[in-house]
Amino acid sequence: MLRRRKRVRQGIKCLEQSIQEEAQYRGLIMELEQILRDHYVIRYLNCRAKDLPALDIRFGVGRYIPQEIADA
């Protein structure tokens, strides 16, 4: 019975860890997509970096702000 409880606890711990890692990867992917989108706009539309927020509003694109930055 104790072995089973231990395995269940270990399984739950592994599941929590994988969910946490998945959330981190999702955040990194969203940041990378935003960087690539900004690069495309700057390069091919001859836009300046300071004009990016206005273009995002104009085209209805939401900007991803990581929680760590939003809390600062």
PDB file of N, CA and C in Angstrom:
ATOM      1  N   MET A   1       0.814  -1.196   0.000  1.00  0.00           N
ATOM      2  CA  MET A   1       0.000   0.000   0.000  1.00  0.00           C
ATOM      3  C   MET A   1       0.863   1.267   0.000  1.00  0.00           C
ATOM      4  N   LEU A   2       1.950   1.261   0.771  1.00  0.00           N
ATOM      5  CA  LEU A   2       2.829   2.427   0.820  1.00  0.00           C
ATOM      6  C   LEU A   2       3.526   2.650  -0.512  1.00  0.00           C
ATOM      7  N   ARG A   3       3.902   1.572  -1.165  1.00  0.00           N
ATOM      8  CA  ARG A   3       4.559   1.708  -2.470  1.00  0.00           C
ATOM      9  C   ARG A   3       3.619   2.347  -3.480  1.00  0.00           C
ATOM     10  N   ARG A   4       2.378   1.927  -3.412  1.00  0.00           N
ATOM     11  CA  ARG A   4       1.400   2.479  -4.348  1.00  0.00           C
ATOM     12  C   ARG A   4       1.214   3.980  -4.108  1.00  0.00           C
ATOM     13  N   ARG A   5       1.112   4.390  -2.853  1.00  0.00           N
ATOM     14  CA  ARG A   5       0.971   5.815  -2.532  1.00  0.00           C
ATOM     15  C   ARG A   5       2.187   6.601  -3.012  1.00  0.00           C
ATOM     16  N   LYS A   6       3.355   6.003  -2.814  1.00  0.00           N
ATOM     17  CA  LYS A   6       4.585   6.673  -3.235  1.00  0.00           C
ATOM     18  C   LYS A   6       4.609   6.845  -4.748  1.00  0.00           C
ATOM     19  N   ARG A   7       4.198   5.795  -5.468  1.00  0.00           N
ATOM     20  CA  ARG A   7       4.159   5.894  -6.933  1.00  0.00           C
ATOM     21  C   ARG A   7       3.142   6.932  -7.389  1.00  0.00           C
ATOM     22  N   VAL A   8       2.010   6.982  -6.710  1.00  0.00           N
ATOM     23  CA  VAL A   8       0.986   7.969  -7.064  1.00  0.00           C
ATOM     24  C   VAL A   8       1.521   9.381  -6.825  1.00  0.00           C
ATOM     25  N   ARG A   9       2.173   9.604  -5.673  1.00  0.00           N
ATOM     26  CA  ARG A   9       2.744  10.920  -5.386  1.00  0.00           C
ATOM     27  C   ARG A   9       3.809  11.303  -6.405  1.00  0.00           C
ATOM     28  N   GLN A  10       4.647  10.336  -6.770  1.00  0.00           N
ATOM     29  CA  GLN A  10       5.678  10.607  -7.773  1.00  0.00           C
ATOM     30  C   GLN A  10       5.048  10.918  -9.124  1.00  0.00           C
ATOM     31  N   GLY A  11       3.993  10.185  -9.463  1.00  0.00           N
ATOM     32  CA  GLY A  11       3.297  10.437 -10.720  1.00  0.00           C
ATOM     33  C   GLY A  11       2.675  11.813 -10.760  1.00  0.00           C
ATOM     34  N   ILE A  12       2.063  12.210  -9.651  1.00  0.00           N
ATOM     35  CA  ILE A  12       1.457  13.540  -9.576  1.00  0.00           C
ATOM     36  C   ILE A  12       2.529  14.615  -9.670  1.00  0.00           C
ATOM     37  N   LYS A  13       3.661  14.401  -9.001  1.00  0.00           N
ATOM     38  CA  LYS A  13       4.754  15.364  -9.039  1.00  0.00           C
ATOM     39  C   LYS A  13       5.300  15.505 -10.462  1.00  0.00           C
ATOM     40  N   CYS A  14       5.460  14.380 -11.167  1.00  0.00           N
ATOM     41  CA  CYS A  14       5.943  14.422 -12.554  1.00  0.00           C
ATOM     42  C   CYS A  14       4.944  15.135 -13.461  1.00  0.00           C
ATOM     43  N   LEU A  15       3.661  14.881 -13.245  1.00  0.00           N
ATOM     44  CA  LEU A  15       2.626  15.534 -14.043  1.00  0.00           C
ATOM     45  C   LEU A  15       2.638  17.045 -13.818  1.00  0.00           C
ATOM     46  N   GLU A  16       2.750  17.474 -12.568  1.00  0.00           N
ATOM     47  CA  GLU A  16       2.812  18.908 -12.273  1.00  0.00           C
ATOM     48  C   GLU A  16       4.028  19.553 -12.920  1.00  0.00           C
ATOM     49  N   GLN A  17       5.153  18.859 -12.881  1.00  0.00           N
ATOM     50  CA  GLN A  17       6.380  19.387 -13.480  1.00  0.00           C
ATOM     51  C   GLN A  17       6.238  19.513 -14.993  1.00  0.00           C
ATOM     52  N   SER A  18       5.636  18.516 -15.632  1.00  0.00           N
ATOM     53  CA  SER A  18       5.492  18.579 -17.089  1.00  0.00           C
ATOM     54  C   SER A  18       4.524  19.685 -17.501  1.00  0.00           C
ATOM     55  N   ILE A  19       3.472  19.896 -16.716  1.00  0.00           N
ATOM     56  CA  ILE A  19       2.530  20.979 -17.015  1.00  0.00           C
ATOM     57  C   ILE A  19       3.225  22.331 -16.885  1.00  0.00           C
ATOM     58  N   GLN A  20       4.058  22.467 -15.866  1.00  0.00           N
ATOM     59  CA  GLN A  20       4.798  23.716 -15.662  1.00  0.00           C
ATOM     60  C   GLN A  20       5.771  23.967 -16.815  1.00  0.00           C
ATOM     61  N   GLU A  21       6.475  22.929 -17.254  1.00  0.00           N
ATOM     62  CA  GLU A  21       7.407  23.072 -18.374  1.00  0.00           C
ATOM     63  C   GLU A  21       6.662  23.421 -19.657  1.00  0.00           C
ATOM     64  N   GLU A  22       5.502  22.812 -19.855  1.00  0.00           N
ATOM     65  CA  GLU A  22       4.708  23.100 -21.047  1.00  0.00           C
ATOM     66  C   GLU A  22       4.288  24.567 -21.072  1.00  0.00           C
ATOM     67  N   ALA A  23       3.911  25.109 -19.927  1.00  0.00           N
ATOM     68  CA  ALA A  23       3.522  26.522 -19.851  1.00  0.00           C
ATOM     69  C   ALA A  23       4.707  27.422 -20.177  1.00  0.00           C
ATOM     70  N   GLN A  24       5.897  27.051 -19.715  1.00  0.00           N
ATOM     71  CA  GLN A  24       7.090  27.844 -20.024  1.00  0.00           C
ATOM     72  C   GLN A  24       7.370  27.814 -21.521  1.00  0.00           C
ATOM     73  N   TYR A  25       7.269  26.640 -22.135  1.00  0.00           N
ATOM     74  CA  TYR A  25       7.520  26.531 -23.570  1.00  0.00           C
ATOM     75  C   TYR A  25       6.492  27.327 -24.363  1.00  0.00           C
ATOM     76  N   ARG A  26       5.243  27.290 -23.930  1.00  0.00           N
ATOM     77  CA  ARG A  26       4.198  28.036 -24.626  1.00  0.00           C
ATOM     78  C   ARG A  26       4.518  29.526 -24.595  1.00  0.00           C
ATOM     79  N   GLY A  27       4.977  30.024 -23.449  1.00  0.00           N
ATOM     80  CA  GLY A  27       5.354  31.430 -23.338  1.00  0.00           C
ATOM     81  C   GLY A  27       6.524  31.780 -24.240  1.00  0.00           C
ATOM     82  N   LEU A  28       7.518  30.896 -24.300  1.00  0.00           N
ATOM     83  CA  LEU A  28       8.676  31.142 -25.166  1.00  0.00           C
ATOM     84  C   LEU A  28       8.279  31.151 -26.633  1.00  0.00           C
ATOM     85  N   ILE A  29       7.395  30.249 -27.014  1.00  0.00           N
ATOM     86  CA  ILE A  29       6.942  30.196 -28.407  1.00  0.00           C
ATOM     87  C   ILE A  29       6.180  31.470 -28.761  1.00  0.00           C
ATOM     88  N   MET A  30       5.348  31.953 -27.848  1.00  0.00           N
ATOM     89  CA  MET A  30       4.614  33.191 -28.112  1.00  0.00           C
ATOM     90  C   MET A  30       5.566  34.374 -28.260  1.00  0.00           C
ATOM     91  N   GLU A  31       6.594  34.426 -27.424  1.00  0.00           N
ATOM     92  CA  GLU A  31       7.582  35.502 -27.541  1.00  0.00           C
ATOM     93  C   GLU A  31       8.336  35.419 -28.864  1.00  0.00           C
ATOM     94  N   LEU A  32       8.709  34.211 -29.260  1.00  0.00           N
ATOM     95  CA  LEU A  32       9.424  34.028 -30.522  1.00  0.00           C
ATOM     96  C   LEU A  32       8.560  34.442 -31.705  1.00  0.00           C
ATOM     97  N   GLU A  33       7.288  34.079 -31.692  1.00  0.00           N
ATOM     98  CA  GLU A  33       6.384  34.489 -32.769  1.00  0.00           C
ATOM     99  C   GLU A  33       6.303  36.009 -32.858  1.00  0.00           C
ATOM    100  N   GLN A  34       6.250  36.662 -31.714  1.00  0.00           N
ATOM    101  CA  GLN A  34       6.182  38.126 -31.706  1.00  0.00           C
ATOM    102  C   GLN A  34       7.465  38.736 -32.247  1.00  0.00           C
ATOM    103  N   ILE A  35       8.603  38.189 -31.867  1.00  0.00           N
ATOM    104  CA  ILE A  35       9.883  38.694 -32.370  1.00  0.00           C
ATOM    105  C   ILE A  35       9.956  38.537 -33.881  1.00  0.00           C
ATOM    106  N   LEU A  36       9.552  37.383 -34.386  1.00  0.00           N
ATOM    107  CA  LEU A  36       9.592  37.152 -35.836  1.00  0.00           C
ATOM    108  C   LEU A  36       8.618  38.065 -36.569  1.00  0.00           C
ATOM    109  N   ARG A  37       7.438  38.273 -35.983  1.00  0.00           N
ATOM    110  CA  ARG A  37       6.459  39.175 -36.603  1.00  0.00           C
ATOM    111  C   ARG A  37       7.010  40.600 -36.642  1.00  0.00           C
ATOM    112  N   ASP A  38       7.609  41.050 -35.541  1.00  0.00           N
ATOM    113  CA  ASP A  38       8.198  42.390 -35.502  1.00  0.00           C
ATOM    114  C   ASP A  38       9.319  42.524 -36.529  1.00  0.00           C
ATOM    115  N   HIS A  39      10.143  41.499 -36.637  1.00  0.00           N
ATOM    116  CA  HIS A  39      11.241  41.516 -37.614  1.00  0.00           C
ATOM    117  C   HIS A  39      10.691  41.637 -39.037  1.00  0.00           C
ATOM    118  N   TYR A  40       9.654  40.861 -39.334  1.00  0.00           N
ATOM    119  CA  TYR A  40       9.051  40.904 -40.665  1.00  0.00           C
ATOM    120  C   TYR A  40       8.525  42.307 -40.969  1.00  0.00           C
ATOM    121  N   VAL A  41       7.812  42.896 -40.012  1.00  0.00           N
ATOM    122  CA  VAL A  41       7.234  44.228 -40.226  1.00  0.00           C
ATOM    123  C   VAL A  41       8.333  45.261 -40.424  1.00  0.00           C
ATOM    124  N   ILE A  42       9.361  45.223 -39.585  1.00  0.00           N
ATOM    125  CA  ILE A  42      10.452  46.196 -39.694  1.00  0.00           C
ATOM    126  C   ILE A  42      11.178  46.045 -41.020  1.00  0.00           C
ATOM    127  N   ARG A  43      11.422  44.812 -41.409  1.00  0.00           N
ATOM    128  CA  ARG A  43      12.229  44.584 -42.610  1.00  0.00           C
ATOM    129  C   ARG A  43      11.455  44.826 -43.905  1.00  0.00           C
ATOM    130  N   TYR A  44      10.265  44.266 -44.008  1.00  0.00           N
ATOM    131  CA  TYR A  44       9.565  44.286 -45.295  1.00  0.00           C
ATOM    132  C   TYR A  44       8.589  45.442 -45.466  1.00  0.00           C
ATOM    133  N   LEU A  45       8.189  46.078 -44.385  1.00  0.00           N
ATOM    134  CA  LEU A  45       7.304  47.233 -44.503  1.00  0.00           C
ATOM    135  C   LEU A  45       8.044  48.536 -44.245  1.00  0.00           C
ATOM    136  N   ASN A  46       9.373  48.429 -44.116  1.00  0.00           N
ATOM    137  CA  ASN A  46      10.212  49.601 -43.859  1.00  0.00           C
ATOM    138  C   ASN A  46       9.670  50.427 -42.696  1.00  0.00           C
ATOM    139  N   CYS A  47       9.400  49.754 -41.628  1.00  0.00           N
ATOM    140  CA  CYS A  47       8.847  50.378 -40.433  1.00  0.00           C
ATOM    141  C   CYS A  47       9.946  50.544 -39.387  1.00  0.00           C
ATOM    142  N   ARG A  48       9.768  51.502 -38.504  1.00  0.00           N
ATOM    143  CA  ARG A  48      10.707  51.674 -37.396  1.00  0.00           C
ATOM    144  C   ARG A  48      10.166  50.940 -36.169  1.00  0.00           C
ATOM    145  N   ALA A  49      11.065  50.578 -35.278  1.00  0.00           N
ATOM    146  CA  ALA A  49      10.673  49.821 -34.085  1.00  0.00           C
ATOM    147  C   ALA A  49       9.685  50.597 -33.221  1.00  0.00           C
ATOM    148  N   LYS A  50       9.838  51.912 -33.164  1.00  0.00           N
ATOM    149  CA  LYS A  50       8.936  52.694 -32.314  1.00  0.00           C
ATOM    150  C   LYS A  50       7.521  52.775 -32.897  1.00  0.00           C
ATOM    151  N   ASP A  51       7.351  52.443 -34.189  1.00  0.00           N
ATOM    152  CA  ASP A  51       6.031  52.457 -34.822  1.00  0.00           C
ATOM    153  C   ASP A  51       5.283  51.134 -34.666  1.00  0.00           C
ATOM    154  N   LEU A  52       5.930  50.115 -34.121  1.00  0.00           N
ATOM    155  CA  LEU A  52       5.305  48.792 -34.014  1.00  0.00           C
ATOM    156  C   LEU A  52       4.014  48.786 -33.191  1.00  0.00           C
ATOM    157  N   PRO A  53       3.956  49.423 -32.019  1.00  0.00           N
ATOM    158  CA  PRO A  53       2.697  49.401 -31.256  1.00  0.00           C
ATOM    159  C   PRO A  53       1.519  49.999 -32.030  1.00  0.00           C
ATOM    160  N   ALA A  54       1.747  51.068 -32.779  1.00  0.00           N
ATOM    161  CA  ALA A  54       0.675  51.679 -33.568  1.00  0.00           C
ATOM    162  C   ALA A  54       0.210  50.735 -34.673  1.00  0.00           C
ATOM    163  N   LEU A  55       1.143  50.037 -35.310  1.00  0.00           N
ATOM    164  CA  LEU A  55       0.767  49.077 -36.350  1.00  0.00           C
ATOM    165  C   LEU A  55       0.010  47.892 -35.770  1.00  0.00           C
ATOM    166  N   ASP A  56       0.397  47.460 -34.580  1.00  0.00           N
ATOM    167  CA  ASP A  56      -0.321  46.361 -33.931  1.00  0.00           C
ATOM    168  C   ASP A  56      -1.774  46.742 -33.690  1.00  0.00           C
ATOM    169  N   ILE A  57      -1.994  47.964 -33.227  1.00  0.00           N
ATOM    170  CA  ILE A  57      -3.359  48.431 -32.995  1.00  0.00           C
ATOM    171  C   ILE A  57      -4.108  48.538 -34.316  1.00  0.00           C
ATOM    172  N   ARG A  58      -3.449  49.057 -35.325  1.00  0.00           N
ATOM    173  CA  ARG A  58      -4.079  49.247 -36.636  1.00  0.00           C
ATOM    174  C   ARG A  58      -4.533  47.927 -37.244  1.00  0.00           C
ATOM    175  N   PHE A  59      -3.696  46.890 -37.120  1.00  0.00           N
ATOM    176  CA  PHE A  59      -4.022  45.597 -37.717  1.00  0.00           C
ATOM    177  C   PHE A  59      -4.666  44.630 -36.728  1.00  0.00           C
ATOM    178  N   GLY A  60      -4.927  45.077 -35.513  1.00  0.00           N
ATOM    179  CA  GLY A  60      -5.622  44.254 -34.529  1.00  0.00           C
ATOM    180  C   GLY A  60      -4.809  43.085 -34.005  1.00  0.00           C
ATOM    181  N   VAL A  61      -3.511  43.275 -33.898  1.00  0.00           N
ATOM    182  CA  VAL A  61      -2.634  42.216 -33.400  1.00  0.00           C
ATOM    183  C   VAL A  61      -2.319  42.504 -31.942  1.00  0.00           C
ATOM    184  N   GLY A  62      -2.570  41.524 -31.087  1.00  0.00           N
ATOM    185  CA  GLY A  62      -2.257  41.701 -29.671  1.00  0.00           C
ATOM    186  C   GLY A  62      -0.797  41.408 -29.397  1.00  0.00           C
ATOM    187  N   ARG A  63      -0.221  42.178 -28.513  1.00  0.00           N
ATOM    188  CA  ARG A  63       1.176  41.955 -28.131  1.00  0.00           C
ATOM    189  C   ARG A  63       1.202  41.102 -26.887  1.00  0.00           C
ATOM    190  N   TYR A  64       2.116  40.148 -26.873  1.00  0.00           N
ATOM    191  CA  TYR A  64       2.298  39.266 -25.723  1.00  0.00           C
ATOM    192  C   TYR A  64       3.281  39.908 -24.760  1.00  0.00           C
ATOM    193  N   ILE A  65       2.854  40.093 -23.519  1.00  0.00           N
ATOM    194  CA  ILE A  65       3.734  40.636 -22.487  1.00  0.00           C
ATOM    195  C   ILE A  65       3.878  39.566 -21.413  1.00  0.00           C
ATOM    196  N   PRO A  66       5.077  39.021 -21.244  1.00  0.00           N
ATOM    197  CA  PRO A  66       5.265  37.987 -20.223  1.00  0.00           C
ATOM    198  C   PRO A  66       4.873  38.496 -18.839  1.00  0.00           C
ATOM    199  N   GLN A  67       4.380  37.607 -17.998  1.00  0.00           N
ATOM    200  CA  GLN A  67       3.904  37.978 -16.667  1.00  0.00           C
ATOM    201  C   GLN A  67       4.991  38.645 -15.835  1.00  0.00           C
ATOM    202  N   GLU A  68       6.243  38.191 -15.991  1.00  0.00           N
ATOM    203  CA  GLU A  68       7.330  38.776 -15.215  1.00  0.00           C
ATOM    204  C   GLU A  68       7.513  40.249 -15.557  1.00  0.00           C
ATOM    205  N   ILE A  69       7.338  40.596 -16.822  1.00  0.00           N
ATOM    206  CA  ILE A  69       7.490  41.980 -17.259  1.00  0.00           C
ATOM    207  C   ILE A  69       6.271  42.800 -16.847  1.00  0.00           C
ATOM    208  N   ALA A  70       5.086  42.220 -16.962  1.00  0.00           N
ATOM    209  CA  ALA A  70       3.867  42.930 -16.608  1.00  0.00           C
ATOM    210  C   ALA A  70       3.829  43.262 -15.119  1.00  0.00           C
ATOM    211  N   ASP A  71       4.395  42.391 -14.284  1.00  0.00           N
ATOM    212  CA  ASP A  71       4.393  42.617 -12.841  1.00  0.00           C
ATOM    213  C   ASP A  71       5.427  43.644 -12.404  1.00  0.00           C
ATOM    214  N   ALA A  72       6.443  43.869 -13.223  1.00  0.00           N
ATOM    215  CA  ALA A  72       7.544  44.766 -12.826  1.00  0.00           C
ATOM    216  C   ALA A  72       7.123  46.217 -12.814  1.00  0.00           C
TER     217      ALA A  72
END
